[in-house]
Protein backbone atom coordinates (compact mmCIF):
# COMPACT_ATOMS: atom_id res chain seq x y z
CA MET A 1 -60.32 -83.61 61.78
CA ARG A 2 -57.12 -81.61 61.54
CA ILE A 3 -54.14 -82.85 59.59
CA ASN A 4 -50.79 -82.38 61.23
CA LYS A 5 -48.31 -81.73 58.41
CA ARG A 6 -45.42 -82.82 60.63
CA GLN A 7 -46.75 -86.38 60.57
CA PHE A 8 -46.02 -86.66 56.86
CA VAL A 9 -42.73 -87.21 55.11
CA ARG A 10 -42.13 -85.55 51.76
CA ALA A 11 -42.12 -88.10 48.92
CA ARG A 12 -38.82 -88.62 47.17
CA MET A 13 -38.43 -89.17 43.46
CA ASN A 14 -37.32 -92.73 42.83
CA ILE A 15 -37.10 -92.58 39.06
CA SER A 16 -36.30 -89.95 36.51
CA VAL A 17 -39.17 -89.25 34.12
CA SER A 18 -38.69 -87.42 30.84
CA PRO A 19 -41.30 -84.96 29.54
CA SER A 20 -42.24 -87.47 26.83
CA GLU A 21 -42.79 -90.24 29.40
CA MET A 22 -44.80 -87.90 31.62
CA LEU A 23 -46.99 -86.84 28.70
CA LYS A 24 -47.80 -90.46 27.87
CA THR A 25 -48.41 -91.31 31.53
CA LEU A 26 -50.77 -88.38 32.08
CA ARG A 27 -52.67 -89.16 28.89
CA GLU A 28 -53.06 -92.82 29.82
CA LEU A 29 -54.06 -92.04 33.42
CA GLN A 30 -56.88 -89.91 32.08
CA GLY A 31 -58.00 -92.67 29.75
CA LEU A 32 -57.33 -90.70 26.59
CA SER A 33 -56.09 -92.10 23.31
CA GLN A 34 -53.64 -90.12 21.22
CA ALA A 35 -56.50 -89.43 18.80
CA GLU A 36 -58.66 -88.02 21.60
CA LEU A 37 -55.84 -85.83 22.90
CA SER A 38 -55.22 -84.70 19.34
CA LYS A 39 -58.82 -83.50 19.08
CA LEU A 40 -58.54 -81.62 22.38
CA THR A 41 -55.25 -79.93 21.48
CA LYS A 42 -55.42 -79.62 17.67
CA ILE A 43 -51.96 -81.25 17.63
CA PRO A 44 -51.85 -83.98 14.97
CA GLN A 45 -51.83 -87.52 16.37
CA SER A 46 -48.58 -88.26 14.53
CA ASN A 47 -46.94 -85.33 16.35
CA LEU A 48 -48.27 -86.57 19.71
CA SER A 49 -46.77 -89.97 18.98
CA ALA A 50 -43.42 -88.34 18.17
CA LEU A 51 -43.61 -86.28 21.38
CA GLU A 52 -44.37 -89.36 23.49
CA THR A 53 -41.45 -91.33 22.03
CA GLY A 54 -39.06 -88.41 22.39
CA ALA A 55 -38.53 -88.19 18.63
CA ARG A 56 -39.78 -84.59 18.69
CA GLN A 57 -39.01 -81.86 21.22
CA MET A 58 -42.01 -80.62 23.16
CA GLY A 59 -41.21 -76.95 23.67
CA ARG A 60 -42.90 -74.47 25.96
CA GLU A 61 -45.90 -73.61 23.78
CA ARG A 62 -46.84 -77.24 23.12
CA ALA A 63 -46.39 -78.05 26.80
CA ILE A 64 -48.86 -75.30 27.69
CA VAL A 65 -51.45 -76.56 25.17
CA LEU A 66 -51.02 -80.16 26.37
CA ALA A 67 -51.14 -79.17 30.04
CA LYS A 68 -54.42 -77.30 29.56
CA ALA A 69 -55.96 -80.31 27.84
CA LEU A 70 -54.68 -82.66 30.55
CA LYS A 71 -55.67 -80.22 33.34
CA VAL A 72 -52.20 -80.00 34.90
CA HIS A 73 -49.62 -77.26 35.26
CA PRO A 74 -47.07 -77.25 32.39
CA SER A 75 -44.26 -77.83 34.88
CA VAL A 76 -45.76 -81.24 35.68
CA ILE A 77 -44.93 -82.26 32.12
CA LEU A 78 -41.69 -80.36 31.57
CA PHE A 79 -40.03 -80.67 34.98
CA SER A 80 -41.48 -83.84 36.48
CA ASP A 81 -38.12 -84.90 37.93
CA TYR A 82 -37.11 -81.47 39.28
CA ASP A 83 -35.69 -81.72 42.78
CA MET A 84 -35.44 -78.58 44.93
CA ASP A 85 -32.77 -80.24 47.05
CA GLU A 86 -30.40 -80.28 44.07
CA VAL A 87 -30.57 -76.49 43.63
CA ALA A 88 -27.61 -74.84 45.26
């Protein structure tokens, strides 16, 4: 069965998601606790909590470590609300 790409409409972002919200969402979707993610990343659980609440900035290097543990590209965490249509 062939899929005709023209039959699909590109999804539009309905909400803006911050990197901290995306981190928490990805962690929860994968059924991981903060303690489990801490073990995978060697980032202290207290720091993960601060990242998820937005109290601490994520930064590129942490995003890479977290993305590897969560098996996603770092841009999924850092730029989840990026819209190509807004680039001019």
